[in-house]
PDB file of N, CA and C in Angstrom:
ATOM      1  N   MET A   1     -61.944 -42.144  14.904  1.00  0.00           N
ATOM      2  CA  MET A   1     -62.311 -42.133  13.684  1.00  0.00           C
ATOM      3  C   MET A   1     -63.744 -42.563  13.536  1.00  0.00           C
ATOM      4  N   LYS A   2     -64.547 -41.847  12.689  1.00  0.00           N
ATOM      5  CA  LYS A   2     -65.979 -42.510  12.752  1.00  0.00           C
ATOM      6  C   LYS A   2     -65.950 -43.400  11.708  1.00  0.00           C
ATOM      7  N   PRO A   3     -66.846 -44.268  12.022  1.00  0.00           N
ATOM      8  CA  PRO A   3     -66.963 -45.689  11.121  1.00  0.00           C
ATOM      9  C   PRO A   3     -67.291 -45.484   9.536  1.00  0.00           C
ATOM     10  N   GLU A   4     -67.884 -44.282   9.485  1.00  0.00           N
ATOM     11  CA  GLU A   4     -68.370 -44.120   8.262  1.00  0.00           C
ATOM     12  C   GLU A   4     -67.136 -43.431   7.305  1.00  0.00           C
ATOM     13  N   SER A   5     -65.945 -42.978   7.992  1.00  0.00           N
ATOM     14  CA  SER A   5     -64.859 -42.464   7.257  1.00  0.00           C
ATOM     15  C   SER A   5     -63.980 -43.373   6.862  1.00  0.00           C
ATOM     16  N   LEU A   6     -63.971 -44.735   7.388  1.00  0.00           N
ATOM     17  CA  LEU A   6     -63.111 -45.804   6.836  1.00  0.00           C
ATOM     18  C   LEU A   6     -63.364 -46.267   5.448  1.00  0.00           C
ATOM     19  N   ILE A   7     -62.616 -46.515   4.845  1.00  0.00           N
ATOM     20  CA  ILE A   7     -62.299 -46.968   3.412  1.00  0.00           C
ATOM     21  C   ILE A   7     -61.764 -48.190   3.472  1.00  0.00           C
ATOM     22  N   HIS A   8     -62.132 -49.386   3.078  1.00  0.00           N
ATOM     23  CA  HIS A   8     -61.350 -50.614   2.813  1.00  0.00           C
ATOM     24  C   HIS A   8     -61.221 -50.746   1.195  1.00  0.00           C
ATOM     25  N   VAL A   9     -59.843 -51.222   1.011  1.00  0.00           N
ATOM     26  CA  VAL A   9     -59.410 -51.761  -0.388  1.00  0.00           C
ATOM     27  C   VAL A   9     -59.143 -52.927  -0.245  1.00  0.00           C
ATOM     28  N   ARG A  10     -59.533 -53.670  -1.166  1.00  0.00           N
ATOM     29  CA  ARG A  10     -59.024 -55.166  -1.292  1.00  0.00           C
ATOM     30  C   ARG A  10     -57.862 -55.047  -2.298  1.00  0.00           C
ATOM     31  N   ILE A  11     -56.830 -55.742  -1.711  1.00  0.00           N
ATOM     32  CA  ILE A  11     -55.768 -56.026  -2.759  1.00  0.00           C
ATOM     33  C   ILE A  11     -55.549 -57.606  -2.801  1.00  0.00           C
ATOM     34  N   ASP A  12     -55.161 -58.192  -3.953  1.00  0.00           N
ATOM     35  CA  ASP A  12     -54.952 -59.528  -4.325  1.00  0.00           C
ATOM     36  C   ASP A  12     -53.504 -59.871  -3.845  1.00  0.00           C
ATOM     37  N   TYR A  13     -53.476 -61.042  -3.484  1.00  0.00           N
ATOM     38  CA  TYR A  13     -52.114 -61.694  -2.930  1.00  0.00           C
ATOM     39  C   TYR A  13     -50.979 -60.998  -3.835  1.00  0.00           C
ATOM     40  N   THR A  14     -51.187 -61.317  -5.174  1.00  0.00           N
ATOM     41  CA  THR A  14     -49.858 -61.061  -5.870  1.00  0.00           C
ATOM     42  C   THR A  14     -49.501 -59.484  -5.779  1.00  0.00           C
ATOM     43  N   GLU A  15     -50.574 -58.842  -5.784  1.00  0.00           N
ATOM     44  CA  GLU A  15     -50.253 -57.212  -5.579  1.00  0.00           C
ATOM     45  C   GLU A  15     -49.552 -56.796  -4.123  1.00  0.00           C
ATOM     46  N   ALA A  16     -50.224 -57.615  -3.162  1.00  0.00           N
ATOM     47  CA  ALA A  16     -49.487 -57.265  -2.008  1.00  0.00           C
ATOM     48  C   ALA A  16     -48.168 -57.814  -1.817  1.00  0.00           C
ATOM     49  N   LEU A  17     -47.693 -58.965  -2.400  1.00  0.00           N
ATOM     50  CA  LEU A  17     -46.507 -59.438  -2.598  1.00  0.00           C
ATOM     51  C   LEU A  17     -45.452 -58.546  -3.270  1.00  0.00           C
ATOM     52  N   SER A  18     -45.899 -58.074  -4.365  1.00  0.00           N
ATOM     53  CA  SER A  18     -45.044 -57.257  -5.412  1.00  0.00           C
ATOM     54  C   SER A  18     -45.085 -55.965  -4.633  1.00  0.00           C
ATOM     55  N   GLY A  19     -46.023 -55.222  -3.951  1.00  0.00           N
ATOM     56  CA  GLY A  19     -45.697 -53.991  -3.192  1.00  0.00           C
ATOM     57  C   GLY A  19     -44.647 -54.171  -2.071  1.00  0.00           C
ATOM     58  N   LYS A  20     -44.776 -55.254  -1.215  1.00  0.00           N
ATOM     59  CA  LYS A  20     -43.911 -55.672  -0.319  1.00  0.00           C
ATOM     60  C   LYS A  20     -42.478 -55.658  -1.030  1.00  0.00           C
ATOM     61  N   LYS A  21     -42.242 -56.274  -2.054  1.00  0.00           N
ATOM     62  CA  LYS A  21     -41.089 -56.560  -2.724  1.00  0.00           C
ATOM     63  C   LYS A  21     -40.400 -55.154  -3.208  1.00  0.00           C
ATOM     64  N   ASP A  22     -41.323 -54.261  -3.598  1.00  0.00           N
ATOM     65  CA  ASP A  22     -41.085 -53.042  -4.067  1.00  0.00           C
ATOM     66  C   ASP A  22     -40.437 -51.994  -2.722  1.00  0.00           C
ATOM     67  N   ILE A  23     -41.219 -52.285  -1.693  1.00  0.00           N
ATOM     68  CA  ILE A  23     -40.544 -51.560  -0.445  1.00  0.00           C
ATOM     69  C   ILE A  23     -39.510 -51.805  -0.054  1.00  0.00           C
ATOM     70  N   LEU A  24     -39.283 -53.359   0.084  1.00  0.00           N
ATOM     71  CA  LEU A  24     -37.987 -53.789   0.421  1.00  0.00           C
ATOM     72  C   LEU A  24     -36.869 -53.508  -0.511  1.00  0.00           C
ATOM     73  N   SER A  25     -36.971 -53.419  -1.925  1.00  0.00           N
ATOM     74  CA  SER A  25     -36.040 -53.229  -2.755  1.00  0.00           C
ATOM     75  C   SER A  25     -35.696 -51.502  -2.513  1.00  0.00           C
ATOM     76  N   SER A  26     -36.806 -50.887  -2.163  1.00  0.00           N
ATOM     77  CA  SER A  26     -36.441 -49.515  -2.002  1.00  0.00           C
ATOM     78  C   SER A  26     -35.653 -49.260  -0.803  1.00  0.00           C
ATOM     79  N   GLN A  27     -35.765 -49.949   0.196  1.00  0.00           N
ATOM     80  CA  GLN A  27     -35.171 -49.959   1.493  1.00  0.00           C
ATOM     81  C   GLN A  27     -33.711 -50.218   1.196  1.00  0.00           C
ATOM     82  N   VAL A  28     -33.616 -51.460   0.537  1.00  0.00           N
ATOM     83  CA  VAL A  28     -31.932 -51.933   0.126  1.00  0.00           C
ATOM     84  C   VAL A  28     -31.472 -50.561  -0.554  1.00  0.00           C
ATOM     85  N   ASN A  29     -32.123 -49.932  -1.698  1.00  0.00           N
ATOM     86  CA  ASN A  29     -31.485 -48.989  -2.490  1.00  0.00           C
ATOM     87  C   ASN A  29     -31.163 -47.948  -1.610  1.00  0.00           C
ATOM     88  N   LEU A  30     -32.045 -47.315  -0.583  1.00  0.00           N
ATOM     89  CA  LEU A  30     -31.677 -46.395   0.314  1.00  0.00           C
ATOM     90  C   LEU A  30     -30.468 -46.641   1.270  1.00  0.00           C
ATOM     91  N   LEU A  31     -30.565 -47.874   1.733  1.00  0.00           N
ATOM     92  CA  LEU A  31     -29.314 -48.140   2.465  1.00  0.00           C
ATOM     93  C   LEU A  31     -27.861 -48.243   1.830  1.00  0.00           C
ATOM     94  N   ASN A  32     -28.066 -48.672   0.571  1.00  0.00           N
ATOM     95  CA  ASN A  32     -26.865 -48.688  -0.261  1.00  0.00           C
ATOM     96  C   ASN A  32     -26.314 -47.306  -0.683  1.00  0.00           C
ATOM     97  N   THR A  33     -27.319 -46.657  -0.764  1.00  0.00           N
ATOM     98  CA  THR A  33     -27.033 -44.927  -1.064  1.00  0.00           C
ATOM     99  C   THR A  33     -26.339 -44.384   0.244  1.00  0.00           C
ATOM    100  N   LEU A  34     -26.992 -44.682   1.297  1.00  0.00           N
ATOM    101  CA  LEU A  34     -26.483 -44.199   2.605  1.00  0.00           C
ATOM    102  C   LEU A  34     -25.187 -44.667   2.913  1.00  0.00           C
ATOM    103  N   LYS A  35     -24.715 -45.978   2.527  1.00  0.00           N
ATOM    104  CA  LYS A  35     -23.465 -46.486   2.536  1.00  0.00           C
ATOM    105  C   LYS A  35     -22.490 -45.681   1.845  1.00  0.00           C
ATOM    106  N   SER A  36     -22.919 -45.434   0.469  1.00  0.00           N
ATOM    107  CA  SER A  36     -22.202 -44.556  -0.490  1.00  0.00           C
ATOM    108  C   SER A  36     -21.745 -43.204  -0.019  1.00  0.00           C
ATOM    109  N   VAL A  37     -22.711 -42.688   0.693  1.00  0.00           N
ATOM    110  CA  VAL A  37     -22.813 -41.180   1.038  1.00  0.00           C
ATOM    111  C   VAL A  37     -21.849 -41.234   2.238  1.00  0.00           C
ATOM    112  N   LYS A  38     -21.795 -42.181   2.918  1.00  0.00           N
ATOM    113  CA  LYS A  38     -21.041 -42.307   4.377  1.00  0.00           C
ATOM    114  C   LYS A  38     -19.558 -42.342   3.789  1.00  0.00           C
ATOM    115  N   LYS A  39     -19.297 -43.354   2.866  1.00  0.00           N
ATOM    116  CA  LYS A  39     -17.731 -43.459   2.062  1.00  0.00           C
ATOM    117  C   LYS A  39     -17.339 -42.158   1.507  1.00  0.00           C
ATOM    118  N   PHE A  40     -18.391 -41.640   0.869  1.00  0.00           N
ATOM    119  CA  PHE A  40     -17.793 -40.292   0.406  1.00  0.00           C
ATOM    120  C   PHE A  40     -17.293 -39.216   1.302  1.00  0.00           C
ATOM    121  N   HIS A  41     -17.992 -39.057   2.575  1.00  0.00           N
ATOM    122  CA  HIS A  41     -17.799 -38.260   3.503  1.00  0.00           C
ATOM    123  C   HIS A  41     -16.343 -38.586   4.135  1.00  0.00           C
ATOM    124  N   ILE A  42     -16.342 -39.871   4.233  1.00  0.00           N
ATOM    125  CA  ILE A  42     -14.720 -40.279   4.875  1.00  0.00           C
ATOM    126  C   ILE A  42     -13.705 -39.854   3.937  1.00  0.00           C
ATOM    127  N   LEU A  43     -13.911 -39.943   2.483  1.00  0.00           N
ATOM    128  CA  LEU A  43     -12.886 -39.974   1.453  1.00  0.00           C
ATOM    129  C   LEU A  43     -12.664 -38.467   1.400  1.00  0.00           C
ATOM    130  N   ARG A  44     -13.737 -37.668   1.414  1.00  0.00           N
ATOM    131  CA  ARG A  44     -13.623 -36.179   1.304  1.00  0.00           C
ATOM    132  C   ARG A  44     -12.941 -35.714   2.515  1.00  0.00           C
ATOM    133  N   LYS A  45     -13.015 -36.290   3.910  1.00  0.00           N
ATOM    134  CA  LYS A  45     -12.428 -35.762   4.987  1.00  0.00           C
ATOM    135  C   LYS A  45     -10.819 -36.017   4.688  1.00  0.00           C
ATOM    136  N   LYS A  46     -10.683 -37.129   4.157  1.00  0.00           N
ATOM    137  CA  LYS A  46      -9.278 -37.575   4.025  1.00  0.00           C
ATOM    138  C   LYS A  46      -8.406 -36.599   2.991  1.00  0.00           C
ATOM    139  N   GLU A  47      -9.187 -36.397   1.943  1.00  0.00           N
ATOM    140  CA  GLU A  47      -8.680 -35.459   0.901  1.00  0.00           C
ATOM    141  C   GLU A  47      -8.379 -34.034   1.322  1.00  0.00           C
ATOM    142  N   ILE A  48      -9.517 -33.621   2.329  1.00  0.00           N
ATOM    143  CA  ILE A  48      -9.296 -32.289   2.708  1.00  0.00           C
ATOM    144  C   ILE A  48      -7.921 -32.288   3.514  1.00  0.00           C
ATOM    145  N   GLN A  49      -7.834 -33.336   4.313  1.00  0.00           N
ATOM    146  CA  GLN A  49      -6.552 -33.476   5.372  1.00  0.00           C
ATOM    147  C   GLN A  49      -5.385 -33.386   4.364  1.00  0.00           C
ATOM    148  N   LYS A  50      -5.508 -34.145   3.302  1.00  0.00           N
ATOM    149  CA  LYS A  50      -4.155 -34.277   2.534  1.00  0.00           C
ATOM    150  C   LYS A  50      -3.769 -32.972   1.834  1.00  0.00           C
ATOM    151  N   LYS A  51      -4.910 -32.124   1.563  1.00  0.00           N
ATOM    152  CA  LYS A  51      -4.712 -30.918   0.874  1.00  0.00           C
ATOM    153  C   LYS A  51      -4.092 -30.059   1.724  1.00  0.00           C
ATOM    154  N   ILE A  52      -4.503 -30.020   3.029  1.00  0.00           N
ATOM    155  CA  ILE A  52      -4.041 -29.034   4.059  1.00  0.00           C
ATOM    156  C   ILE A  52      -2.458 -29.362   4.376  1.00  0.00           C
ATOM    157  N   SER A  53      -2.237 -30.626   4.431  1.00  0.00           N
ATOM    158  CA  SER A  53      -0.761 -31.011   4.651  1.00  0.00           C
ATOM    159  C   SER A  53      -0.048 -30.759   3.434  1.00  0.00           C
ATOM    160  N   ILE A  54      -0.554 -30.714   2.211  1.00  0.00           N
ATOM    161  CA  ILE A  54       0.234 -30.299   1.102  1.00  0.00           C
ATOM    162  C   ILE A  54       0.560 -28.977   1.167  1.00  0.00           C
ATOM    163  N   GLN A  55      -0.442 -28.164   1.513  1.00  0.00           N
ATOM    164  CA  GLN A  55      -0.381 -26.713   1.647  1.00  0.00           C
ATOM    165  C   GLN A  55       0.688 -26.353   2.558  1.00  0.00           C
ATOM    166  N   LYS A  56       0.720 -26.930   3.728  1.00  0.00           N
ATOM    167  CA  LYS A  56       1.689 -26.573   4.725  1.00  0.00           C
ATOM    168  C   LYS A  56       3.076 -27.211   4.277  1.00  0.00           C
ATOM    169  N   LYS A  57       3.267 -28.216   3.709  1.00  0.00           N
ATOM    170  CA  LYS A  57       4.538 -28.484   3.102  1.00  0.00           C
ATOM    171  C   LYS A  57       5.050 -27.284   1.962  1.00  0.00           C
ATOM    172  N   PHE A  58       4.112 -26.926   1.024  1.00  0.00           N
ATOM    173  CA  PHE A  58       4.324 -25.871   0.141  1.00  0.00           C
ATOM    174  C   PHE A  58       4.744 -24.547   0.866  1.00  0.00           C
ATOM    175  N   LYS A  59       4.254 -24.290   1.859  1.00  0.00           N
ATOM    176  CA  LYS A  59       4.497 -22.987   2.771  1.00  0.00           C
ATOM    177  C   LYS A  59       5.842 -23.070   3.228  1.00  0.00           C
ATOM    178  N   GLU A  60       6.184 -24.371   3.737  1.00  0.00           N
ATOM    179  CA  GLU A  60       7.573 -24.448   4.289  1.00  0.00           C
ATOM    180  C   GLU A  60       8.479 -24.411   3.137  1.00  0.00           C
ATOM    181  N   ALA A  61       8.268 -24.992   2.112  1.00  0.00           N
ATOM    182  CA  ALA A  61       9.086 -24.963   0.979  1.00  0.00           C
ATOM    183  C   ALA A  61       9.456 -23.615   0.505  1.00  0.00           C
ATOM    184  N   LEU A  62       8.398 -22.892   0.313  1.00  0.00           N
ATOM    185  CA  LEU A  62       8.319 -21.495  -0.160  1.00  0.00           C
ATOM    186  C   LEU A  62       9.380 -20.718   0.887  1.00  0.00           C
ATOM    187  N   ALA A  63       8.921 -21.014   2.172  1.00  0.00           N
ATOM    188  CA  ALA A  63       9.955 -20.247   3.352  1.00  0.00           C
ATOM    189  C   ALA A  63      11.397 -20.632   3.081  1.00  0.00           C
ATOM    190  N   SER A  64      11.804 -21.907   3.066  1.00  0.00           N
ATOM    191  CA  SER A  64      13.042 -22.270   2.681  1.00  0.00           C
ATOM    192  C   SER A  64      13.551 -21.586   1.475  1.00  0.00           C
ATOM    193  N   ILE A  65      13.010 -21.495   0.421  1.00  0.00           N
ATOM    194  CA  ILE A  65      13.433 -20.765  -0.559  1.00  0.00           C
ATOM    195  C   ILE A  65      13.688 -19.394  -0.469  1.00  0.00           C
ATOM    196  N   ARG A  66      13.061 -18.711   0.072  1.00  0.00           N
ATOM    197  CA  ARG A  66      13.197 -17.386   0.427  1.00  0.00           C
ATOM    198  C   ARG A  66      14.328 -17.232   1.533  1.00  0.00           C
ATOM    199  N   LYS A  67      14.580 -18.035   2.209  1.00  0.00           N
ATOM    200  CA  LYS A  67      15.564 -17.968   3.191  1.00  0.00           C
ATOM    201  C   LYS A  67      16.773 -18.257   2.418  1.00  0.00           C
ATOM    202  N   LEU A  68      16.833 -19.191   1.801  1.00  0.00           N
ATOM    203  CA  LEU A  68      18.160 -19.291   0.677  1.00  0.00           C
ATOM    204  C   LEU A  68      18.267 -18.155  -0.048  1.00  0.00           C
ATOM    205  N   GLU A  69      17.125 -17.631  -0.600  1.00  0.00           N
ATOM    206  CA  GLU A  69      17.594 -16.490  -1.432  1.00  0.00           C
ATOM    207  C   GLU A  69      18.292 -15.204  -0.575  1.00  0.00           C
ATOM    208  N   LYS A  70      17.934 -15.228   0.705  1.00  0.00           N
ATOM    209  CA  LYS A  70      18.486 -14.071   1.442  1.00  0.00           C
ATOM    210  C   LYS A  70      20.023 -14.504   1.760  1.00  0.00           C
ATOM    211  N   THR A  71      20.192 -15.806   2.022  1.00  0.00           N
ATOM    212  CA  THR A  71      21.630 -16.273   2.519  1.00  0.00           C
ATOM    213  C   THR A  71      22.601 -16.148   1.079  1.00  0.00           C
ATOM    214  N   LEU A  72      22.084 -16.415   0.015  1.00  0.00           N
ATOM    215  CA  LEU A  72      22.972 -16.679  -1.152  1.00  0.00           C
ATOM    216  C   LEU A  72      23.358 -15.300  -1.887  1.00  0.00           C
ATOM    217  N   PRO A  73      24.509 -15.169  -2.217  1.00  0.00           N
ATOM    218  CA  PRO A  73      25.081 -13.855  -2.831  1.00  0.00           C
ATOM    219  C   PRO A  73      24.153 -13.546  -4.222  1.00  0.00           C
ATOM    220  N   ARG A  74      23.946 -12.380  -4.140  1.00  0.00           N
ATOM    221  CA  ARG A  74      23.242 -11.878  -5.490  1.00  0.00           C
ATOM    222  C   ARG A  74      24.256 -11.435  -6.574  1.00  0.00           C
ATOM    223  N   ILE A  75      23.895 -11.702  -7.849  1.00  0.00           N
ATOM    224  CA  ILE A  75      24.587 -11.135  -8.876  1.00  0.00           C
ATOM    225  C   ILE A  75      24.255  -9.861  -9.080  1.00  0.00           C
ATOM    226  N   PRO A  76      25.392  -9.112  -9.256  1.00  0.00           N
ATOM    227  CA  PRO A  76      25.239  -7.506  -9.738  1.00  0.00           C
ATOM    228  C   PRO A  76      24.748  -7.197 -11.113  1.00  0.00           C
ATOM    229  N   ASP A  77      24.019  -6.252 -11.351  1.00  0.00           N
ATOM    230  CA  ASP A  77      23.193  -6.029 -12.504  1.00  0.00           C
ATOM    231  C   ASP A  77      24.156  -6.073 -13.648  1.00  0.00           C
ATOM    232  N   GLU A  78      25.358  -5.572 -13.450  1.00  0.00           N
ATOM    233  CA  GLU A  78      26.377  -5.514 -14.529  1.00  0.00           C
ATOM    234  C   GLU A  78      26.999  -6.742 -15.098  1.00  0.00           C
ATOM    235  N   GLU A  79      26.972  -7.834 -13.993  1.00  0.00           N
ATOM    236  CA  GLU A  79      27.235  -9.045 -14.503  1.00  0.00           C
ATOM    237  C   GLU A  79      26.147  -9.688 -15.155  1.00  0.00           C
ATOM    238  N   LYS A  80      25.150  -9.400 -15.057  1.00  0.00           N
ATOM    239  CA  LYS A  80      23.998 -10.086 -15.558  1.00  0.00           C
ATOM    240  C   LYS A  80      23.912  -9.380 -17.349  1.00  0.00           C
ATOM    241  N   THR A  81      23.983  -8.164 -17.177  1.00  0.00           N
ATOM    242  CA  THR A  81      24.101  -7.770 -18.889  1.00  0.00           C
ATOM    243  C   THR A  81      25.255  -8.234 -19.624  1.00  0.00           C
ATOM    244  N   GLU A  82      26.366  -8.466 -18.952  1.00  0.00           N
ATOM    245  CA  GLU A  82      27.519  -9.215 -19.526  1.00  0.00           C
ATOM    246  C   GLU A  82      27.229 -10.455 -20.054  1.00  0.00           C
ATOM    247  N   GLU A  83      26.308 -11.402 -19.070  1.00  0.00           N
ATOM    248  CA  GLU A  83      25.881 -12.702 -19.364  1.00  0.00           C
ATOM    249  C   GLU A  83      24.970 -12.787 -20.501  1.00  0.00           C
ATOM    250  N   THR A  84      24.235 -11.567 -20.545  1.00  0.00           N
ATOM    251  CA  THR A  84      23.013 -11.861 -21.567  1.00  0.00           C
ATOM    252  C   THR A  84      23.823 -11.569 -23.023  1.00  0.00           C
ATOM    253  N   LYS A  85      24.739 -10.650 -22.864  1.00  0.00           N
ATOM    254  CA  LYS A  85      25.503 -10.247 -24.208  1.00  0.00           C
ATOM    255  C   LYS A  85      26.392 -11.583 -24.844  1.00  0.00           C
ATOM    256  N   GLU A  86      26.699 -12.287 -23.811  1.00  0.00           N
ATOM    257  CA  GLU A  86      27.667 -13.552 -24.179  1.00  0.00           C
ATOM    258  C   GLU A  86      26.671 -14.630 -24.757  1.00  0.00           C
ATOM    259  N   LYS A  87      25.450 -14.518 -24.305  1.00  0.00           N
ATOM    260  CA  LYS A  87      24.362 -15.564 -24.669  1.00  0.00           C
ATOM    261  C   LYS A  87      24.173 -15.137 -26.191  1.00  0.00           C
ATOM    262  N   LYS A  88      23.895 -13.473 -26.488  1.00  0.00           N
ATOM    263  CA  LYS A  88      23.502 -13.205 -27.815  1.00  0.00           C
ATOM    264  C   LYS A  88      24.623 -13.431 -28.760  1.00  0.00           C
ATOM    265  N   ILE A  89      25.799 -13.352 -28.124  1.00  0.00           N
ATOM    266  CA  ILE A  89      27.002 -13.734 -29.225  1.00  0.00           C
ATOM    267  C   ILE A  89      27.107 -15.321 -29.503  1.00  0.00           C
ATOM    268  N   GLU A  90      26.749 -15.990 -28.735  1.00  0.00           N
ATOM    269  CA  GLU A  90      26.697 -17.426 -28.927  1.00  0.00           C
ATOM    270  C   GLU A  90      25.545 -17.720 -29.834  1.00  0.00           C
ATOM    271  N   ILE A  91      24.417 -17.114 -29.704  1.00  0.00           N
ATOM    272  CA  ILE A  91      23.174 -17.402 -30.649  1.00  0.00           C
ATOM    273  C   ILE A  91      23.657 -16.902 -31.907  1.00  0.00           C
ATOM    274  N   LYS A  92      24.533 -15.698 -32.212  1.00  0.00           N
ATOM    275  CA  LYS A  92      24.640 -15.170 -33.434  1.00  0.00           C
ATOM    276  C   LYS A  92      25.779 -16.194 -34.224  1.00  0.00           C
ATOM    277  N   SER A  93      26.667 -16.814 -33.395  1.00  0.00           N
ATOM    278  CA  SER A  93      27.681 -17.719 -33.865  1.00  0.00           C
ATOM    279  C   SER A  93      26.842 -19.030 -34.389  1.00  0.00           C
ATOM    280  N   THR A  94      26.002 -19.534 -33.464  1.00  0.00           N
ATOM    281  CA  THR A  94      25.426 -20.736 -34.125  1.00  0.00           C
ATOM    282  C   THR A  94      24.373 -20.384 -35.389  1.00  0.00           C
ATOM    283  N   ASN A  95      23.943 -19.151 -35.487  1.00  0.00           N
ATOM    284  CA  ASN A  95      23.444 -18.795 -36.615  1.00  0.00           C
ATOM    285  C   ASN A  95      24.183 -18.746 -37.769  1.00  0.00           C
ATOM    286  N   ASP A  96      25.398 -18.090 -37.703  1.00  0.00           N
ATOM    287  CA  ASP A  96      26.386 -18.318 -38.753  1.00  0.00           C
ATOM    288  C   ASP A  96      26.846 -19.617 -39.103  1.00  0.00           C
ATOM    289  N   ILE A  97      26.944 -20.483 -38.231  1.00  0.00           N
ATOM    290  CA  ILE A  97      27.299 -21.943 -38.349  1.00  0.00           C
ATOM    291  C   ILE A  97      26.208 -22.528 -39.283  1.00  0.00           C
ATOM    292  N   ASP A  98      24.978 -22.403 -38.948  1.00  0.00           N
ATOM    293  CA  ASP A  98      23.790 -22.755 -39.916  1.00  0.00           C
ATOM    294  C   ASP A  98      23.824 -22.390 -41.040  1.00  0.00           C
ATOM    295  N   SER A  99      23.943 -21.063 -41.364  1.00  0.00           N
ATOM    296  CA  SER A  99      24.172 -20.517 -42.523  1.00  0.00           C
ATOM    297  C   SER A  99      25.272 -21.035 -43.522  1.00  0.00           C
ATOM    298  N   GLU A 100      26.299 -21.202 -42.783  1.00  0.00           N
ATOM    299  CA  GLU A 100      27.489 -21.924 -43.532  1.00  0.00           C
ATOM    300  C   GLU A 100      27.078 -23.292 -43.914  1.00  0.00           C
ATOM    301  N   LEU A 101      26.543 -23.773 -42.978  1.00  0.00           N
ATOM    302  CA  LEU A 101      26.292 -25.425 -43.576  1.00  0.00           C
ATOM    303  C   LEU A 101      25.232 -25.345 -44.644  1.00  0.00           C
ATOM    304  N   GLN A 102      24.270 -24.408 -44.582  1.00  0.00           N
ATOM    305  CA  GLN A 102      23.277 -24.473 -45.753  1.00  0.00           C
ATOM    306  C   GLN A 102      23.952 -24.163 -47.115  1.00  0.00           C
ATOM    307  N   GLU A 103      24.976 -23.241 -47.130  1.00  0.00           N
ATOM    308  CA  GLU A 103      25.751 -22.963 -48.200  1.00  0.00           C
ATOM    309  C   GLU A 103      26.687 -23.932 -48.773  1.00  0.00           C
ATOM    310  N   ILE A 104      27.099 -24.910 -47.726  1.00  0.00           N
ATOM    311  CA  ILE A 104      27.991 -26.154 -48.168  1.00  0.00           C
ATOM    312  C   ILE A 104      26.788 -27.150 -48.671  1.00  0.00           C
ATOM    313  N   GLN A 105      25.790 -27.345 -48.383  1.00  0.00           N
ATOM    314  CA  GLN A 105      24.792 -28.186 -48.738  1.00  0.00           C
ATOM    315  C   GLN A 105      24.422 -27.979 -50.145  1.00  0.00           C
ATOM    316  N   GLU A 106      24.390 -26.446 -50.345  1.00  0.00           N
ATOM    317  CA  GLU A 106      23.766 -26.059 -51.826  1.00  0.00           C
ATOM    318  C   GLU A 106      24.831 -26.323 -52.572  1.00  0.00           C
ATOM    319  N   ARG A 107      26.048 -26.030 -52.406  1.00  0.00           N
ATOM    320  CA  ARG A 107      27.186 -26.347 -53.217  1.00  0.00           C
ATOM    321  C   ARG A 107      27.496 -28.152 -53.456  1.00  0.00           C
ATOM    322  N   LEU A 108      27.109 -28.818 -52.392  1.00  0.00           N
ATOM    323  CA  LEU A 108      27.039 -30.259 -52.780  1.00  0.00           C
ATOM    324  C   LEU A 108      25.887 -30.657 -53.735  1.00  0.00           C
ATOM    325  N   LYS A 109      24.923 -30.046 -53.463  1.00  0.00           N
ATOM    326  CA  LYS A 109      23.871 -30.295 -54.538  1.00  0.00           C
ATOM    327  C   LYS A 109      24.093 -30.025 -55.971  1.00  0.00           C
ATOM    328  N   ARG A 110      24.742 -28.698 -56.085  1.00  0.00           N
ATOM    329  CA  ARG A 110      25.210 -28.196 -57.287  1.00  0.00           C
ATOM    330  C   ARG A 110      26.197 -29.332 -57.999  1.00  0.00           C
ATOM    331  N   LEU A 111      27.136 -29.764 -57.345  1.00  0.00           N
ATOM    332  CA  LEU A 111      28.151 -30.605 -57.760  1.00  0.00           C
ATOM    333  C   LEU A 111      27.674 -31.820 -58.038  1.00  0.00           C
ATOM    334  N   GLY A 112      26.685 -32.581 -57.128  1.00  0.00           N
ATOM    335  CA  GLY A 112      26.151 -33.656 -57.474  1.00  0.00           C
ATOM    336  C   GLY A 112      25.128 -33.635 -58.466  1.00  0.00           C
ATOM    337  N   GLY A 113      24.488 -32.648 -58.710  1.00  0.00           N
ATOM    338  CA  GLY A 113      23.311 -32.515 -59.840  1.00  0.00           C
ATOM    339  C   GLY A 113      23.810 -32.552 -61.264  1.00  0.00           C
TER     340      GLY A 113
END
């Protein structure tokens, strides 16, 4: 370097001290951030491993269900329609009961009123 290109700057002691403190606090913040990032990466790896194990268990359960569906007897379509007819009849009978209850309640109101 040429001696002509050197520039000297005078800094007070308090300015130098506050500058050093700022640099050190910046280093502390960077190290804390680095520590947090490392913890995040560790937790993220654990999360991914757990997701993979859950996915494997889900696939195993699905395979077991499919295997059970193959081994269990199937209900013929005729029986299914009979079951749905029975359910419709049950629904109608409960509707009839509800309407009868309403009629009886109305009669009680007329007698009581």
